Amino acid sequence: MREFLLYSRLGRTEPHWSNLHDAGRLDIVYECIVTSLFLSHGLRRDVAFNAVLNGPPNQPVHLQINGEELYDVRTDIDTWNAILRKAISGKTHPGVAIQKGSFEALVKDKAETNSIYILEEHGKSIAETELAENPLFILGDHVGLPKNAERYAQRFGSKISLGKTPYLAASCITIINYLLDKQKREQTTQRTV
């Protein structure tokens, strides 16, 4: 399974907000969810999206969205505003889970089953990296990944780069999905030849 992990410095951990932008930039979390899991007319069932919300008042909180179990969703912001509010309130939605948990604990846990890649402009080029199976890509929000979190994640993985251009987190996810989809198609073509 392909996974993404967004470190959200300000994402609210209580459900009282007027919109996702004002909820500690949960709009970035929403954008990353959509680019991680949605295709034009379907869902990526082999992808999971994670975010660690570090905003007040109950941080840190781990949000996980599993494409294999997700249903009754659309890509619009109102749908995800309702789903995120519901999840943070402690209610359930298929494929969406929320629990207390730090970034460090999550990275350590994921390192047992996933190959960890930290997206950083000065990392090794993704084009020159042979990505292992079950990759987990770690990204920062609009402020970026805190240096201490980046150093901790490097204990379990390596830094990779999409180039020197600083892309939005959701754009990085789109690029990675494109590259991995292309790689998968090429491998399938080679096997059938």
C-alpha atoms as a PDB file:
ATOM      1  CA  MET A   1       0.000   0.000   0.000  1.00  0.00           C
ATOM      2  CA  ARG A   2       1.135   3.537  -0.817  1.00  0.00           C
ATOM      3  CA  GLU A   3       0.849   6.002   2.072  1.00  0.00           C
ATOM      4  CA  PHE A   4       1.225   9.717   2.654  1.00  0.00           C
ATOM      5  CA  LEU A   5       1.818  11.471   5.979  1.00  0.00           C
ATOM      6  CA  LEU A   6       1.253  15.202   6.383  1.00  0.00           C
ATOM      7  CA  TYR A   7       2.620  17.026   9.420  1.00  0.00           C
ATOM      8  CA  SER A   8       0.034  19.721  10.181  1.00  0.00           C
ATOM      9  CA  ARG A   9       1.480  22.248  12.623  1.00  0.00           C
ATOM     10  CA  LEU A  10      -1.785  24.071  13.285  1.00  0.00           C
ATOM     11  CA  GLY A  11      -4.614  21.632  12.382  1.00  0.00           C
ATOM     12  CA  ARG A  12      -7.364  22.028  15.005  1.00  0.00           C
ATOM     13  CA  THR A  13      -8.037  19.080  17.275  1.00  0.00           C
ATOM     14  CA  GLU A  14     -11.553  20.128  18.261  1.00  0.00           C
ATOM     15  CA  PRO A  15     -14.588  20.412  15.953  1.00  0.00           C
ATOM     16  CA  HIS A  16     -15.604  24.028  16.536  1.00  0.00           C
ATOM     17  CA  TRP A  17     -14.691  26.030  13.439  1.00  0.00           C
ATOM     18  CA  SER A  18     -16.444  28.016  10.744  1.00  0.00           C
ATOM     19  CA  ASN A  19     -14.355  26.747   7.815  1.00  0.00           C
ATOM     20  CA  LEU A  20     -11.366  24.505   7.175  1.00  0.00           C
ATOM     21  CA  HIS A  21      -8.988  27.394   6.483  1.00  0.00           C
ATOM     22  CA  ASP A  22      -9.682  28.949   9.866  1.00  0.00           C
ATOM     23  CA  ALA A  23      -9.376  25.549  11.567  1.00  0.00           C
ATOM     24  CA  GLY A  24      -5.582  25.712  11.603  1.00  0.00           C
ATOM     25  CA  ARG A  25      -5.339  25.264   7.822  1.00  0.00           C
ATOM     26  CA  LEU A  26      -7.273  21.999   7.702  1.00  0.00           C
ATOM     27  CA  ASP A  27      -7.948  23.078   4.120  1.00  0.00           C
ATOM     28  CA  ILE A  28      -4.422  21.842   3.341  1.00  0.00           C
ATOM     29  CA  VAL A  29      -5.278  18.496   4.937  1.00  0.00           C
ATOM     30  CA  TYR A  30      -8.443  18.372   2.793  1.00  0.00           C
ATOM     31  CA  GLU A  31      -6.502  19.144  -0.414  1.00  0.00           C
ATOM     32  CA  CYS A  32      -3.975  16.417   0.397  1.00  0.00           C
ATOM     33  CA  ILE A  33      -6.748  13.900   1.115  1.00  0.00           C
ATOM     34  CA  VAL A  34      -8.317  14.559  -2.282  1.00  0.00           C
ATOM     35  CA  THR A  35      -5.051  14.360  -4.232  1.00  0.00           C
ATOM     36  CA  SER A  36      -3.962  11.224  -2.342  1.00  0.00           C
ATOM     37  CA  LEU A  37      -7.123   9.175  -2.701  1.00  0.00           C
ATOM     38  CA  PHE A  38      -9.244  10.332  -5.624  1.00  0.00           C
ATOM     39  CA  LEU A  39      -9.089   9.547  -9.324  1.00  0.00           C
ATOM     40  CA  SER A  40     -11.313  11.160 -11.933  1.00  0.00           C
ATOM     41  CA  HIS A  41     -14.136   8.651 -11.400  1.00  0.00           C
ATOM     42  CA  GLY A  42     -13.082   6.581  -8.430  1.00  0.00           C
ATOM     43  CA  LEU A  43     -10.959   6.062  -5.375  1.00  0.00           C
ATOM     44  CA  ARG A  44      -7.440   4.766  -4.997  1.00  0.00           C
ATOM     45  CA  ARG A  45      -8.117   1.659  -2.928  1.00  0.00           C
ATOM     46  CA  ASP A  46      -4.399   0.957  -2.481  1.00  0.00           C
ATOM     47  CA  VAL A  47      -3.612   4.313  -0.822  1.00  0.00           C
ATOM     48  CA  ALA A  48      -3.833   5.559   2.757  1.00  0.00           C
ATOM     49  CA  PHE A  49      -3.523   9.166   3.876  1.00  0.00           C
ATOM     50  CA  ASN A  50      -2.331  10.151   7.348  1.00  0.00           C
ATOM     51  CA  ALA A  51      -2.085  13.530   9.018  1.00  0.00           C
ATOM     52  CA  VAL A  52      -0.808  14.409  12.452  1.00  0.00           C
ATOM     53  CA  LEU A  53      -2.714  17.457  13.693  1.00  0.00           C
ATOM     54  CA  ASN A  54      -0.729  19.550  16.165  1.00  0.00           C
ATOM     55  CA  GLY A  55      -3.168  22.412  16.716  1.00  0.00           C
ATOM     56  CA  PRO A  56      -4.996  23.175  19.938  1.00  0.00           C
ATOM     57  CA  PRO A  57      -6.505  22.071  22.170  1.00  0.00           C
ATOM     58  CA  ASN A  58      -5.900  18.281  22.197  1.00  0.00           C
ATOM     59  CA  GLN A  59      -2.765  17.765  20.115  1.00  0.00           C
ATOM     60  CA  PRO A  60      -1.295  15.600  18.773  1.00  0.00           C
ATOM     61  CA  VAL A  61      -3.993  13.680  16.911  1.00  0.00           C
ATOM     62  CA  HIS A  62      -3.474  11.095  14.153  1.00  0.00           C
ATOM     63  CA  LEU A  63      -6.017  11.182  11.326  1.00  0.00           C
ATOM     64  CA  GLN A  64      -5.979   8.175   8.994  1.00  0.00           C
ATOM     65  CA  ILE A  65      -8.006   7.695   5.838  1.00  0.00           C
ATOM     66  CA  ASN A  66      -7.858   4.249   4.294  1.00  0.00           C
ATOM     67  CA  GLY A  67      -8.785   4.115   0.612  1.00  0.00           C
ATOM     68  CA  GLU A  68      -9.631   0.426   0.883  1.00  0.00           C
ATOM     69  CA  GLU A  69     -12.457   1.101   3.369  1.00  0.00           C
ATOM     70  CA  LEU A  70     -13.530   4.617   2.376  1.00  0.00           C
ATOM     71  CA  TYR A  71     -16.993   5.181   0.909  1.00  0.00           C
ATOM     72  CA  ASP A  72     -19.859   7.658   0.912  1.00  0.00           C
ATOM     73  CA  VAL A  73     -17.512  10.510  -0.055  1.00  0.00           C
ATOM     74  CA  ARG A  74     -17.091  13.173  -2.711  1.00  0.00           C
ATOM     75  CA  THR A  75     -14.229  15.551  -3.452  1.00  0.00           C
ATOM     76  CA  ASP A  76     -15.939  18.826  -2.492  1.00  0.00           C
ATOM     77  CA  ILE A  77     -14.805  20.839   0.510  1.00  0.00           C
ATOM     78  CA  ASP A  78     -18.242  20.782   2.208  1.00  0.00           C
ATOM     79  CA  THR A  79     -18.236  16.972   2.301  1.00  0.00           C
ATOM     80  CA  TRP A  80     -14.777  16.897   3.885  1.00  0.00           C
ATOM     81  CA  ASN A  81     -15.594  19.735   6.265  1.00  0.00           C
ATOM     82  CA  ALA A  82     -18.421  17.546   7.601  1.00  0.00           C
ATOM     83  CA  ILE A  83     -16.334  14.333   7.666  1.00  0.00           C
ATOM     84  CA  LEU A  84     -13.389  15.961   9.456  1.00  0.00           C
ATOM     85  CA  ARG A  85     -15.670  17.683  11.973  1.00  0.00           C
ATOM     86  CA  LYS A  86     -17.433  14.359  12.600  1.00  0.00           C
ATOM     87  CA  ALA A  87     -14.153  12.440  13.021  1.00  0.00           C
ATOM     88  CA  ILE A  88     -12.623  15.020  15.354  1.00  0.00           C
ATOM     89  CA  SER A  89     -15.879  14.936  17.374  1.00  0.00           C
ATOM     90  CA  GLY A  90     -15.293  11.218  17.977  1.00  0.00           C
ATOM     91  CA  LYS A  91     -17.937   9.944  15.528  1.00  0.00           C
ATOM     92  CA  THR A  92     -17.203   7.428  12.812  1.00  0.00           C
ATOM     93  CA  HIS A  93     -17.142   7.492   9.029  1.00  0.00           C
ATOM     94  CA  PRO A  94     -16.191   4.454   6.886  1.00  0.00           C
ATOM     95  CA  GLY A  95     -12.456   4.474   6.215  1.00  0.00           C
ATOM     96  CA  VAL A  96     -11.740   7.431   8.508  1.00  0.00           C
ATOM     97  CA  ALA A  97     -10.099   6.919  11.895  1.00  0.00           C
ATOM     98  CA  ILE A  98      -8.793   9.344  14.461  1.00  0.00           C
ATOM     99  CA  GLN A  99      -6.807   8.693  17.616  1.00  0.00           C
ATOM    100  CA  LYS A 100      -4.327  10.346  19.926  1.00  0.00           C
ATOM    101  CA  GLY A 101      -0.795   9.912  18.696  1.00  0.00           C
ATOM    102  CA  SER A 102       2.379  11.829  17.976  1.00  0.00           C
ATOM    103  CA  PHE A 103       4.266  12.162  14.713  1.00  0.00           C
ATOM    104  CA  GLU A 104       7.252  10.347  16.205  1.00  0.00           C
ATOM    105  CA  ALA A 105       5.196   7.376  17.419  1.00  0.00           C
ATOM    106  CA  LEU A 106       3.472   7.097  14.035  1.00  0.00           C
ATOM    107  CA  VAL A 107       6.732   7.223  12.048  1.00  0.00           C
ATOM    108  CA  LYS A 108       8.306   4.600  14.311  1.00  0.00           C
ATOM    109  CA  ASP A 109       5.253   2.351  13.946  1.00  0.00           C
ATOM    110  CA  LYS A 110       5.038   2.802  10.156  1.00  0.00           C
ATOM    111  CA  ALA A 111       8.759   2.071   9.735  1.00  0.00           C
ATOM    112  CA  GLU A 112       8.042  -1.557  10.677  1.00  0.00           C
ATOM    113  CA  THR A 113       5.966  -2.103   7.501  1.00  0.00           C
ATOM    114  CA  ASN A 114       6.729   0.852   5.202  1.00  0.00           C
ATOM    115  CA  SER A 115       9.761   2.339   3.473  1.00  0.00           C
ATOM    116  CA  ILE A 116       9.997   5.934   4.702  1.00  0.00           C
ATOM    117  CA  TYR A 117      10.714   8.852   2.349  1.00  0.00           C
ATOM    118  CA  ILE A 118      10.861  12.453   3.571  1.00  0.00           C
ATOM    119  CA  LEU A 119      10.108  15.025   0.870  1.00  0.00           C
ATOM    120  CA  GLU A 120      12.698  17.773   1.017  1.00  0.00           C
ATOM    121  CA  GLU A 121      13.965  20.004  -1.787  1.00  0.00           C
ATOM    122  CA  HIS A 122      17.593  19.115  -1.035  1.00  0.00           C
ATOM    123  CA  GLY A 123      17.064  15.360  -0.878  1.00  0.00           C
ATOM    124  CA  LYS A 124      18.110  12.790  -3.469  1.00  0.00           C
ATOM    125  CA  SER A 125      16.164  13.157  -6.715  1.00  0.00           C
ATOM    126  CA  ILE A 126      13.126  10.895  -6.858  1.00  0.00           C
ATOM    127  CA  ALA A 127      14.104  10.142 -10.470  1.00  0.00           C
ATOM    128  CA  GLU A 128      17.357   8.596  -9.196  1.00  0.00           C
ATOM    129  CA  THR A 129      15.716   6.710  -6.336  1.00  0.00           C
ATOM    130  CA  GLU A 130      14.477   3.164  -6.599  1.00  0.00           C
ATOM    131  CA  LEU A 131      11.399   3.317  -4.402  1.00  0.00           C
ATOM    132  CA  ALA A 132      10.776   0.243  -2.288  1.00  0.00           C
ATOM    133  CA  GLU A 133       7.382  -1.419  -1.891  1.00  0.00           C
ATOM    134  CA  ASN A 134       4.908   0.041   0.601  1.00  0.00           C
ATOM    135  CA  PRO A 135       6.326   3.567   0.524  1.00  0.00           C
ATOM    136  CA  LEU A 136       5.305   6.205   3.057  1.00  0.00           C
ATOM    137  CA  PHE A 137       5.943   9.784   1.921  1.00  0.00           C
ATOM    138  CA  ILE A 138       6.256  12.437   4.638  1.00  0.00           C
ATOM    139  CA  LEU A 139       5.377  16.051   3.841  1.00  0.00           C
ATOM    140  CA  GLY A 140       5.070  19.282   5.739  1.00  0.00           C
ATOM    141  CA  ASP A 141       2.178  21.733   5.576  1.00  0.00           C
ATOM    142  CA  HIS A 142       2.383  25.364   4.347  1.00  0.00           C
ATOM    143  CA  VAL A 143       5.061  26.106   6.965  1.00  0.00           C
ATOM    144  CA  GLY A 144       7.035  22.954   6.253  1.00  0.00           C
ATOM    145  CA  LEU A 145       8.188  19.994   8.274  1.00  0.00           C
ATOM    146  CA  PRO A 146       9.779  21.085  11.577  1.00  0.00           C
ATOM    147  CA  LYS A 147      13.532  20.350  11.639  1.00  0.00           C
ATOM    148  CA  ASN A 148      13.267  18.131  14.728  1.00  0.00           C
ATOM    149  CA  ALA A 149      10.503  16.068  13.060  1.00  0.00           C
ATOM    150  CA  GLU A 150      12.590  15.823   9.874  1.00  0.00           C
ATOM    151  CA  ARG A 151      15.650  14.639  11.836  1.00  0.00           C
ATOM    152  CA  TYR A 152      13.555  12.073  13.679  1.00  0.00           C
ATOM    153  CA  ALA A 153      12.034  10.715  10.451  1.00  0.00           C
ATOM    154  CA  GLN A 154      15.519  10.407   8.924  1.00  0.00           C
ATOM    155  CA  ARG A 155      16.352   7.804  11.563  1.00  0.00           C
ATOM    156  CA  PHE A 156      13.893   5.513   9.747  1.00  0.00           C
ATOM    157  CA  GLY A 157      14.127   6.693   6.135  1.00  0.00           C
ATOM    158  CA  SER A 158      15.762   8.997   3.637  1.00  0.00           C
ATOM    159  CA  LYS A 159      15.147  12.385   2.055  1.00  0.00           C
ATOM    160  CA  ILE A 160      13.959  12.528  -1.535  1.00  0.00           C
ATOM    161  CA  SER A 161      13.275  15.515  -3.745  1.00  0.00           C
ATOM    162  CA  LEU A 162      10.949  16.460  -6.571  1.00  0.00           C
ATOM    163  CA  GLY A 163      13.422  19.200  -7.529  1.00  0.00           C
ATOM    164  CA  LYS A 164      14.391  22.647  -6.308  1.00  0.00           C
ATOM    165  CA  THR A 165      10.959  24.155  -6.971  1.00  0.00           C
ATOM    166  CA  PRO A 166       8.931  24.346  -3.728  1.00  0.00           C
ATOM    167  CA  TYR A 167       5.543  22.791  -4.538  1.00  0.00           C
ATOM    168  CA  LEU A 168       2.396  22.794  -2.421  1.00  0.00           C
ATOM    169  CA  ALA A 169       1.966  19.590  -0.394  1.00  0.00           C
ATOM    170  CA  ALA A 170      -1.069  18.534  -2.463  1.00  0.00           C
ATOM    171  CA  SER A 171       0.892  19.093  -5.678  1.00  0.00           C
ATOM    172  CA  CYS A 172       3.728  16.915  -4.355  1.00  0.00           C
ATOM    173  CA  ILE A 173       1.227  14.120  -3.746  1.00  0.00           C
ATOM    174  CA  THR A 174      -0.160  14.478  -7.276  1.00  0.00           C
ATOM    175  CA  ILE A 175       3.345  14.260  -8.753  1.00  0.00           C
ATOM    176  CA  ILE A 176       4.241  11.197  -6.663  1.00  0.00           C
ATOM    177  CA  ASN A 177       0.994   9.437  -7.570  1.00  0.00           C
ATOM    178  CA  TYR A 178       1.661  10.179 -11.240  1.00  0.00           C
ATOM    179  CA  LEU A 179       5.227   8.817 -11.067  1.00  0.00           C
ATOM    180  CA  LEU A 180       4.195   5.670  -9.194  1.00  0.00           C
ATOM    181  CA  ASP A 181       1.212   5.060 -11.500  1.00  0.00           C
ATOM    182  CA  LYS A 182       3.535   5.410 -14.494  1.00  0.00           C
ATOM    183  CA  GLN A 183       6.068   3.028 -12.939  1.00  0.00           C
ATOM    184  CA  LYS A 184       3.333   0.493 -12.237  1.00  0.00           C
ATOM    185  CA  ARG A 185       2.040   0.681 -15.839  1.00  0.00           C
ATOM    186  CA  GLU A 186       5.567   0.177 -17.194  1.00  0.00           C
ATOM    187  CA  GLN A 187       6.127  -2.847 -14.953  1.00  0.00           C
ATOM    188  CA  THR A 188       2.818  -4.357 -16.074  1.00  0.00           C
ATOM    189  CA  THR A 189       3.725  -3.767 -19.721  1.00  0.00           C
ATOM    190  CA  GLN A 190       7.132  -5.428 -19.243  1.00  0.00           C
ATOM    191  CA  ARG A 191       5.539  -8.481 -17.636  1.00  0.00           C
ATOM    192  CA  THR A 192       3.089  -8.949 -20.512  1.00  0.00           C
ATOM    193  CA  VAL A 193       5.762  -8.652 -23.227  1.00  0.00           C
END
